[in-house]
Amino acid sequence: MPTREQEYVESVLTHVREGLSRAHLDLSQSAEQTANAMVAALPTHHAYDELIGPFLSSQGARTLLGLESRQALQHRVDVGSVLRARTDDGINVYPAFQFDGGRVHPALLPVLGALRDIDGWTAALWLCLPNDELDGLEPRTWLLDPERDGERVVGLAREAAASWTRR
């Protein structure tokens, strides 16, 4: 009897085969390079997965966003349009919750901009922990609900960022 992981891998391979049959393939890369790029785009496990969720590697974030270089991804981090955290061993990780298809979810962009000068872990935790000012919801949950006022979260993010930079 196949394990859950084996079933998952088989399902992924089936979907990849279907996707490749519809794609206009760039045969300038080897099959190994293509497979490595696909694996790099997979979310990785981290201790904060319970609170924040899975993370993408730098290569995974670049692939997902269609960015050609590390500098392009760094620019997105610098201007506050991508949230990045750095592990204790210096590895950059990108919380997967911020991505929607091949982009950063538009509702998150103003908040990411407000939090851009704050440590990535602090910003990610703030987005993922319940907030009394938002009826006990996490800011990310509030923002992704089109019925709720996203500007409220932007204001709270600015207040939080200001209080953290004064310390």
N, C-alpha and C. Protein backbone atom coordinates (compact mmCIF):
# COMPACT_ATOMS: atom_id res chain seq x y z
N MET A 1 0.85 -1.18 0.00
CA MET A 1 0.00 0.00 0.00
C MET A 1 0.89 1.24 0.00
N PRO A 2 0.65 2.15 -0.94
CA PRO A 2 1.50 3.35 -1.00
C PRO A 2 1.29 4.26 0.21
N THR A 3 2.37 4.93 0.60
CA THR A 3 2.28 5.88 1.70
C THR A 3 1.64 7.17 1.21
N ARG A 4 1.28 8.01 2.15
CA ARG A 4 0.69 9.31 1.81
C ARG A 4 1.66 10.13 0.95
N GLU A 5 2.95 10.06 1.30
CA GLU A 5 3.95 10.80 0.54
C GLU A 5 4.06 10.27 -0.89
N GLN A 6 4.05 8.95 -1.04
CA GLN A 6 4.12 8.36 -2.38
C GLN A 6 2.91 8.77 -3.22
N GLU A 7 1.73 8.76 -2.60
CA GLU A 7 0.52 9.17 -3.31
C GLU A 7 0.62 10.63 -3.73
N TYR A 8 1.16 11.45 -2.84
CA TYR A 8 1.33 12.88 -3.14
C TYR A 8 2.27 13.06 -4.33
N VAL A 9 3.42 12.39 -4.28
CA VAL A 9 4.40 12.51 -5.36
C VAL A 9 3.79 12.06 -6.68
N GLU A 10 3.07 10.95 -6.67
CA GLU A 10 2.43 10.47 -7.90
C GLU A 10 1.42 11.48 -8.43
N SER A 11 0.66 12.08 -7.53
CA SER A 11 -0.31 13.10 -7.94
C SER A 11 0.39 14.31 -8.55
N VAL A 12 1.47 14.75 -7.91
CA VAL A 12 2.24 15.88 -8.44
C VAL A 12 2.77 15.55 -9.83
N LEU A 13 3.34 14.37 -9.98
CA LEU A 13 3.89 13.98 -11.28
C LEU A 13 2.80 13.94 -12.36
N THR A 14 1.63 13.47 -12.01
CA THR A 14 0.51 13.46 -12.96
C THR A 14 0.18 14.87 -13.40
N HIS A 15 0.09 15.79 -12.44
CA HIS A 15 -0.23 17.19 -12.77
C HIS A 15 0.89 17.84 -13.58
N VAL A 16 2.13 17.52 -13.25
CA VAL A 16 3.26 18.07 -14.01
C VAL A 16 3.20 17.56 -15.45
N ARG A 17 2.95 16.28 -15.63
CA ARG A 17 2.84 15.73 -16.99
C ARG A 17 1.75 16.44 -17.78
N GLU A 18 0.59 16.64 -17.13
CA GLU A 18 -0.51 17.33 -17.80
C GLU A 18 -0.13 18.76 -18.16
N GLY A 19 0.52 19.45 -17.22
CA GLY A 19 0.94 20.83 -17.47
C GLY A 19 1.97 20.93 -18.57
N LEU A 20 2.92 20.00 -18.57
CA LEU A 20 3.96 20.01 -19.60
C LEU A 20 3.38 19.73 -20.98
N SER A 21 2.34 18.91 -21.03
CA SER A 21 1.74 18.61 -22.33
C SER A 21 1.06 19.83 -22.93
N ARG A 22 0.65 20.78 -22.08
CA ARG A 22 0.00 22.00 -22.56
C ARG A 22 0.97 23.17 -22.73
N ALA A 23 2.16 23.04 -22.17
CA ALA A 23 3.12 24.15 -22.15
C ALA A 23 3.89 24.24 -23.46
N HIS A 24 4.36 25.43 -23.71
CA HIS A 24 5.31 25.65 -24.81
C HIS A 24 6.69 25.56 -24.18
N LEU A 25 7.30 24.41 -24.29
CA LEU A 25 8.52 24.12 -23.56
C LEU A 25 9.72 24.86 -24.12
N ASP A 26 10.56 25.34 -23.20
CA ASP A 26 11.85 25.93 -23.54
C ASP A 26 12.87 24.81 -23.40
N LEU A 27 13.30 24.27 -24.51
CA LEU A 27 14.21 23.12 -24.48
C LEU A 27 15.67 23.52 -24.36
N SER A 28 15.93 24.82 -24.09
CA SER A 28 17.32 25.25 -23.92
C SER A 28 17.87 24.80 -22.57
N GLN A 29 17.00 24.48 -21.62
CA GLN A 29 17.44 23.97 -20.33
C GLN A 29 17.37 22.45 -20.36
N SER A 30 18.25 21.84 -19.57
CA SER A 30 18.18 20.38 -19.45
C SER A 30 16.97 20.01 -18.60
N ALA A 31 16.57 18.77 -18.70
CA ALA A 31 15.46 18.28 -17.86
C ALA A 31 15.82 18.42 -16.38
N GLU A 32 17.09 18.20 -16.05
CA GLU A 32 17.53 18.33 -14.66
C GLU A 32 17.39 19.78 -14.18
N GLN A 33 17.77 20.75 -15.02
CA GLN A 33 17.63 22.16 -14.65
C GLN A 33 16.16 22.51 -14.43
N THR A 34 15.30 22.03 -15.30
CA THR A 34 13.87 22.29 -15.16
C THR A 34 13.36 21.68 -13.86
N ALA A 35 13.73 20.44 -13.59
CA ALA A 35 13.29 19.78 -12.35
C ALA A 35 13.82 20.51 -11.13
N ASN A 36 15.08 20.96 -11.16
CA ASN A 36 15.64 21.70 -10.03
C ASN A 36 14.88 23.00 -9.79
N ALA A 37 14.51 23.70 -10.86
CA ALA A 37 13.74 24.94 -10.71
C ALA A 37 12.37 24.65 -10.11
N MET A 38 11.76 23.56 -10.52
CA MET A 38 10.45 23.20 -9.98
C MET A 38 10.55 22.86 -8.49
N VAL A 39 11.57 22.10 -8.11
CA VAL A 39 11.75 21.72 -6.71
C VAL A 39 12.07 22.96 -5.88
N ALA A 40 12.86 23.88 -6.42
CA ALA A 40 13.22 25.10 -5.69
C ALA A 40 11.99 25.95 -5.38
N ALA A 41 10.96 25.84 -6.20
CA ALA A 41 9.75 26.63 -5.99
C ALA A 41 8.83 26.03 -4.94
N LEU A 42 9.14 24.83 -4.45
CA LEU A 42 8.29 24.21 -3.44
C LEU A 42 8.48 24.88 -2.09
N PRO A 43 7.40 25.07 -1.32
CA PRO A 43 7.54 25.60 0.04
C PRO A 43 8.39 24.65 0.89
N THR A 44 9.21 25.22 1.77
CA THR A 44 10.04 24.42 2.66
C THR A 44 9.51 24.50 4.09
N HIS A 45 9.93 23.57 4.94
CA HIS A 45 9.48 23.54 6.33
C HIS A 45 10.41 24.38 7.20
N HIS A 46 9.83 25.08 8.16
CA HIS A 46 10.58 25.90 9.09
C HIS A 46 9.87 25.86 10.44
N ALA A 47 10.58 26.18 11.50
CA ALA A 47 10.00 26.14 12.84
C ALA A 47 8.77 27.04 12.96
N TYR A 48 8.70 28.13 12.20
CA TYR A 48 7.55 29.04 12.28
C TYR A 48 6.39 28.59 11.40
N ASP A 49 6.49 27.41 10.78
CA ASP A 49 5.40 26.94 9.92
C ASP A 49 4.06 26.92 10.65
N GLU A 50 4.08 26.56 11.93
CA GLU A 50 2.83 26.50 12.70
C GLU A 50 2.14 27.85 12.76
N LEU A 51 2.90 28.92 12.89
CA LEU A 51 2.32 30.26 13.01
C LEU A 51 2.17 30.97 11.68
N ILE A 52 3.19 30.89 10.86
CA ILE A 52 3.24 31.69 9.64
C ILE A 52 2.87 30.86 8.41
N GLY A 53 3.16 29.59 8.44
CA GLY A 53 2.88 28.74 7.29
C GLY A 53 4.16 28.38 6.58
N PRO A 54 4.07 27.70 5.46
CA PRO A 54 5.29 27.31 4.75
C PRO A 54 5.98 28.51 4.11
N PHE A 55 7.22 28.29 3.71
CA PHE A 55 8.05 29.33 3.13
C PHE A 55 8.59 28.88 1.78
N LEU A 56 8.88 29.87 0.95
CA LEU A 56 9.58 29.61 -0.30
C LEU A 56 11.03 30.03 -0.13
N SER A 57 11.91 29.37 -0.84
CA SER A 57 13.31 29.78 -0.91
C SER A 57 13.41 31.00 -1.82
N SER A 58 14.59 31.60 -1.87
CA SER A 58 14.80 32.73 -2.79
C SER A 58 14.54 32.30 -4.23
N GLN A 59 15.08 31.14 -4.61
CA GLN A 59 14.86 30.64 -5.97
C GLN A 59 13.37 30.40 -6.21
N GLY A 60 12.70 29.84 -5.21
CA GLY A 60 11.27 29.59 -5.35
C GLY A 60 10.47 30.87 -5.53
N ALA A 61 10.82 31.90 -4.74
CA ALA A 61 10.12 33.19 -4.86
C ALA A 61 10.39 33.82 -6.22
N ARG A 62 11.65 33.77 -6.67
CA ARG A 62 11.98 34.33 -7.99
C ARG A 62 11.23 33.60 -9.09
N THR A 63 11.19 32.29 -9.01
CA THR A 63 10.49 31.49 -10.03
C THR A 63 9.01 31.83 -10.03
N LEU A 64 8.41 31.86 -8.85
CA LEU A 64 6.98 32.14 -8.74
C LEU A 64 6.63 33.52 -9.29
N LEU A 65 7.47 34.51 -9.00
CA LEU A 65 7.21 35.88 -9.42
C LEU A 65 7.72 36.17 -10.83
N GLY A 66 8.42 35.23 -11.43
CA GLY A 66 8.95 35.44 -12.78
C GLY A 66 10.08 36.44 -12.82
N LEU A 67 10.86 36.51 -11.75
CA LEU A 67 11.98 37.45 -11.68
C LEU A 67 13.25 36.77 -12.17
N GLU A 68 14.04 37.51 -12.92
CA GLU A 68 15.23 36.96 -13.55
C GLU A 68 16.45 36.90 -12.63
N SER A 69 16.50 37.75 -11.61
CA SER A 69 17.74 37.86 -10.85
C SER A 69 17.47 38.02 -9.35
N ARG A 70 18.53 37.78 -8.58
CA ARG A 70 18.47 38.02 -7.13
C ARG A 70 18.25 39.51 -6.87
N GLN A 71 18.85 40.34 -7.71
CA GLN A 71 18.72 41.79 -7.53
C GLN A 71 17.27 42.24 -7.70
N ALA A 72 16.57 41.63 -8.63
CA ALA A 72 15.16 41.99 -8.84
C ALA A 72 14.33 41.62 -7.62
N LEU A 73 14.61 40.46 -7.03
CA LEU A 73 13.89 40.07 -5.81
C LEU A 73 14.28 40.98 -4.66
N GLN A 74 15.56 41.30 -4.53
CA GLN A 74 16.01 42.21 -3.47
C GLN A 74 15.33 43.57 -3.61
N HIS A 75 15.18 44.05 -4.83
CA HIS A 75 14.50 45.33 -5.05
C HIS A 75 13.06 45.26 -4.54
N ARG A 76 12.38 44.18 -4.82
CA ARG A 76 10.99 44.01 -4.36
C ARG A 76 10.94 44.02 -2.83
N VAL A 77 11.93 43.39 -2.18
CA VAL A 77 12.00 43.42 -0.71
C VAL A 77 12.25 44.85 -0.24
N ASP A 78 13.21 45.54 -0.87
CA ASP A 78 13.58 46.89 -0.47
C ASP A 78 12.42 47.88 -0.55
N VAL A 79 11.59 47.74 -1.57
CA VAL A 79 10.47 48.68 -1.73
C VAL A 79 9.23 48.23 -0.98
N GLY A 80 9.31 47.07 -0.32
CA GLY A 80 8.19 46.61 0.49
C GLY A 80 7.08 45.95 -0.30
N SER A 81 7.42 45.31 -1.41
CA SER A 81 6.38 44.60 -2.15
C SER A 81 6.55 43.09 -2.08
N VAL A 82 7.53 42.63 -1.31
CA VAL A 82 7.70 41.21 -0.99
C VAL A 82 8.22 41.13 0.44
N LEU A 83 7.65 40.22 1.22
CA LEU A 83 8.08 40.02 2.60
C LEU A 83 9.11 38.90 2.65
N ARG A 84 10.26 39.22 3.26
CA ARG A 84 11.35 38.25 3.40
C ARG A 84 11.76 38.19 4.87
N ALA A 85 12.08 37.00 5.32
CA ALA A 85 12.68 36.82 6.65
C ALA A 85 14.00 36.06 6.44
N ARG A 86 14.90 36.22 7.39
CA ARG A 86 16.20 35.57 7.27
C ARG A 86 16.39 34.64 8.46
N THR A 87 16.73 33.38 8.17
CA THR A 87 16.93 32.41 9.24
C THR A 87 18.23 32.71 9.99
N ASP A 88 18.40 32.05 11.14
CA ASP A 88 19.61 32.26 11.94
C ASP A 88 20.88 31.93 11.17
N ASP A 89 20.77 31.02 10.21
CA ASP A 89 21.97 30.67 9.43
C ASP A 89 22.07 31.46 8.13
N GLY A 90 21.31 32.57 8.04
CA GLY A 90 21.46 33.50 6.91
C GLY A 90 20.70 33.14 5.65
N ILE A 91 19.78 32.21 5.72
CA ILE A 91 19.00 31.82 4.55
C ILE A 91 17.76 32.70 4.46
N ASN A 92 17.53 33.27 3.29
CA ASN A 92 16.33 34.08 3.07
C ASN A 92 15.15 33.17 2.77
N VAL A 93 14.03 33.43 3.44
CA VAL A 93 12.80 32.68 3.21
C VAL A 93 11.66 33.68 3.02
N TYR A 94 10.66 33.24 2.28
CA TYR A 94 9.55 34.12 1.89
C TYR A 94 8.24 33.43 2.26
N PRO A 95 7.50 33.99 3.24
CA PRO A 95 6.24 33.35 3.64
C PRO A 95 5.32 33.14 2.45
N ALA A 96 4.87 31.90 2.29
CA ALA A 96 4.05 31.53 1.13
C ALA A 96 2.69 32.21 1.15
N PHE A 97 2.18 32.60 2.32
CA PHE A 97 0.83 33.19 2.38
C PHE A 97 0.71 34.47 1.57
N GLN A 98 1.83 35.15 1.33
CA GLN A 98 1.77 36.43 0.62
C GLN A 98 1.53 36.27 -0.88
N PHE A 99 1.74 35.07 -1.39
CA PHE A 99 1.66 34.87 -2.84
C PHE A 99 0.28 34.38 -3.26
N ASP A 100 -0.15 34.90 -4.40
CA ASP A 100 -1.42 34.52 -5.01
C ASP A 100 -1.15 34.27 -6.48
N GLY A 101 -1.00 33.02 -6.84
CA GLY A 101 -0.60 32.72 -8.21
C GLY A 101 0.83 33.18 -8.43
N GLY A 102 1.07 33.93 -9.47
CA GLY A 102 2.41 34.42 -9.78
C GLY A 102 2.66 35.83 -9.31
N ARG A 103 2.02 36.23 -8.23
CA ARG A 103 2.19 37.61 -7.73
C ARG A 103 2.01 37.63 -6.22
N VAL A 104 2.36 38.77 -5.63
CA VAL A 104 2.02 39.02 -4.23
C VAL A 104 0.57 39.48 -4.22
N HIS A 105 -0.20 38.95 -3.29
CA HIS A 105 -1.62 39.30 -3.24
C HIS A 105 -1.75 40.82 -3.13
N PRO A 106 -2.51 41.45 -4.02
CA PRO A 106 -2.62 42.91 -4.04
C PRO A 106 -3.10 43.52 -2.72
N ALA A 107 -3.95 42.81 -1.98
CA ALA A 107 -4.45 43.35 -0.71
C ALA A 107 -3.34 43.47 0.33
N LEU A 108 -2.28 42.68 0.19
CA LEU A 108 -1.17 42.72 1.15
C LEU A 108 -0.17 43.83 0.85
N LEU A 109 -0.11 44.31 -0.37
CA LEU A 109 0.94 45.24 -0.77
C LEU A 109 1.04 46.50 0.08
N PRO A 110 -0.07 47.20 0.38
CA PRO A 110 0.08 48.40 1.21
C PRO A 110 0.60 48.10 2.61
N VAL A 111 0.23 46.96 3.16
CA VAL A 111 0.70 46.59 4.50
C VAL A 111 2.17 46.20 4.45
N LEU A 112 2.57 45.46 3.43
CA LEU A 112 3.98 45.11 3.30
C LEU A 112 4.83 46.38 3.16
N GLY A 113 4.31 47.35 2.43
CA GLY A 113 5.01 48.62 2.31
C GLY A 113 5.16 49.32 3.65
N ALA A 114 4.10 49.29 4.45
CA ALA A 114 4.14 49.93 5.77
C ALA A 114 5.11 49.23 6.71
N LEU A 115 5.32 47.94 6.50
CA LEU A 115 6.19 47.15 7.39
C LEU A 115 7.58 46.92 6.81
N ARG A 116 7.91 47.55 5.70
CA ARG A 116 9.16 47.21 4.98
C ARG A 116 10.43 47.46 5.78
N ASP A 117 10.42 48.39 6.74
CA ASP A 117 11.64 48.68 7.51
C ASP A 117 11.72 47.86 8.80
N ILE A 118 10.77 46.95 8.98
CA ILE A 118 10.71 46.12 10.18
C ILE A 118 11.32 44.76 9.87
N ASP A 119 11.94 44.15 10.86
CA ASP A 119 12.47 42.80 10.70
C ASP A 119 11.40 41.88 10.10
N GLY A 120 11.80 41.06 9.14
CA GLY A 120 10.85 40.20 8.44
C GLY A 120 10.08 39.25 9.33
N TRP A 121 10.76 38.68 10.35
CA TRP A 121 10.05 37.78 11.27
C TRP A 121 8.99 38.54 12.05
N THR A 122 9.35 39.75 12.51
CA THR A 122 8.39 40.55 13.26
C THR A 122 7.18 40.88 12.40
N ALA A 123 7.43 41.30 11.17
CA ALA A 123 6.33 41.64 10.26
C ALA A 123 5.47 40.42 9.97
N ALA A 124 6.10 39.28 9.70
CA ALA A 124 5.34 38.06 9.39
C ALA A 124 4.50 37.62 10.58
N LEU A 125 5.09 37.66 11.76
CA LEU A 125 4.32 37.28 12.96
C LEU A 125 3.17 38.24 13.19
N TRP A 126 3.41 39.54 13.01
CA TRP A 126 2.34 40.52 13.20
C TRP A 126 1.18 40.22 12.24
N LEU A 127 1.49 39.87 11.02
CA LEU A 127 0.45 39.56 10.04
C LEU A 127 -0.31 38.28 10.36
N CYS A 128 0.31 37.37 11.11
CA CYS A 128 -0.27 36.04 11.31
C CYS A 128 -0.84 35.78 12.70
N LEU A 129 -0.66 36.71 13.61
CA LEU A 129 -1.20 36.51 14.96
C LEU A 129 -2.52 37.26 15.12
N PRO A 130 -3.45 36.71 15.90
CA PRO A 130 -4.73 37.39 16.12
C PRO A 130 -4.51 38.80 16.67
N ASN A 131 -5.36 39.72 16.22
CA ASN A 131 -5.25 41.12 16.60
C ASN A 131 -6.60 41.57 17.16
N ASP A 132 -6.59 42.05 18.40
CA ASP A 132 -7.84 42.49 19.04
C ASP A 132 -8.51 43.62 18.27
N GLU A 133 -7.71 44.47 17.61
CA GLU A 133 -8.27 45.59 16.84
C GLU A 133 -9.01 45.12 15.59
N LEU A 134 -8.83 43.86 15.25
CA LEU A 134 -9.46 43.29 14.05
C LEU A 134 -10.41 42.15 14.45
N ASP A 135 -11.10 42.36 15.56
CA ASP A 135 -12.07 41.37 16.05
C ASP A 135 -11.43 40.01 16.28
N GLY A 136 -10.16 40.01 16.66
CA GLY A 136 -9.46 38.77 16.96
C GLY A 136 -8.94 38.02 15.74
N LEU A 137 -9.12 38.59 14.56
CA LEU A 137 -8.61 37.95 13.34
C LEU A 137 -7.14 38.31 13.12
N GLU A 138 -6.45 37.47 12.37
CA GLU A 138 -5.09 37.80 11.95
C GLU A 138 -5.17 38.86 10.86
N PRO A 139 -4.26 39.82 10.84
CA PRO A 139 -4.28 40.83 9.78
C PRO A 139 -4.32 40.23 8.37
N ARG A 140 -3.57 39.15 8.12
CA ARG A 140 -3.59 38.56 6.77
C ARG A 140 -4.97 38.03 6.42
N THR A 141 -5.67 37.45 7.39
CA THR A 141 -7.02 36.93 7.15
C THR A 141 -7.97 38.08 6.87
N TRP A 142 -7.86 39.14 7.65
CA TRP A 142 -8.69 40.33 7.46
C TRP A 142 -8.50 40.89 6.05
N LEU A 143 -7.23 41.02 5.65
CA LEU A 143 -6.91 41.62 4.35
C LEU A 143 -7.43 40.80 3.17
N LEU A 144 -7.47 39.51 3.32
CA LEU A 144 -7.88 38.65 2.21
C LEU A 144 -9.40 38.50 2.10
N ASP A 145 -10.12 39.14 3.02
CA ASP A 145 -11.59 39.13 2.97
C ASP A 145 -12.04 40.41 2.28
N PRO A 146 -12.57 40.34 1.07
CA PRO A 146 -12.95 41.55 0.34
C PRO A 146 -14.07 42.35 1.01
N GLU A 147 -14.76 41.76 1.97
CA GLU A 147 -15.83 42.46 2.68
C GLU A 147 -15.29 43.37 3.78
N ARG A 148 -14.03 43.24 4.11
CA ARG A 148 -13.45 44.01 5.22
C ARG A 148 -12.62 45.17 4.69
N ASP A 149 -12.48 46.18 5.55
CA ASP A 149 -11.75 47.40 5.21
C ASP A 149 -10.24 47.18 5.36
N GLY A 150 -9.54 47.03 4.25
CA GLY A 150 -8.10 46.82 4.28
C GLY A 150 -7.33 48.01 4.82
N GLU A 151 -7.88 49.21 4.65
CA GLU A 151 -7.19 50.41 5.15
C GLU A 151 -7.03 50.37 6.67
N ARG A 152 -7.93 49.69 7.33
CA ARG A 152 -7.82 49.56 8.78
C ARG A 152 -6.53 48.83 9.14
N VAL A 153 -6.21 47.78 8.41
CA VAL A 153 -4.98 47.03 8.67
C VAL A 153 -3.75 47.86 8.30
N VAL A 154 -3.84 48.61 7.22
CA VAL A 154 -2.72 49.48 6.82
C VAL A 154 -2.41 50.46 7.95
N GLY A 155 -3.44 51.07 8.51
CA GLY A 155 -3.24 52.01 9.63
C GLY A 155 -2.61 51.34 10.83
N LEU A 156 -3.10 50.15 11.17
CA LEU A 156 -2.53 49.42 12.30
C LEU A 156 -1.07 49.03 12.02
N ALA A 157 -0.77 48.66 10.79
CA ALA A 157 0.61 48.31 10.42
C ALA A 157 1.52 49.52 10.57
N ARG A 158 1.05 50.67 10.13
CA ARG A 158 1.87 51.90 10.27
C ARG A 158 2.11 52.22 11.74
N GLU A 159 1.06 52.09 12.56
CA GLU A 159 1.22 52.34 14.00
C GLU A 159 2.21 51.37 14.62
N ALA A 160 2.08 50.10 14.28
CA ALA A 160 2.99 49.09 14.83
C ALA A 160 4.43 49.36 14.39
N ALA A 161 4.62 49.65 13.12
CA ALA A 161 5.97 49.92 12.61
C ALA A 161 6.57 51.14 13.30
N ALA A 162 5.77 52.18 13.49
CA ALA A 162 6.26 53.38 14.17
C ALA A 162 6.65 53.08 15.61
N SER A 163 5.85 52.28 16.29
CA SER A 163 6.18 51.96 17.69
C SER A 163 7.43 51.10 17.77
N TRP A 164 7.63 50.20 16.82
CA TRP A 164 8.82 49.35 16.85
C TRP A 164 10.08 50.12 16.50
N THR A 165 9.99 51.12 15.64
CA THR A 165 11.19 51.87 15.27
C THR A 165 11.57 52.89 16.33
N ARG A 166 10.65 53.25 17.21
CA ARG A 166 10.96 54.19 18.30
C ARG A 166 11.73 53.51 19.42
N ARG A 167 11.71 52.21 19.48
CA ARG A 167 12.35 51.48 20.59
C ARG A 167 13.83 51.51 20.48
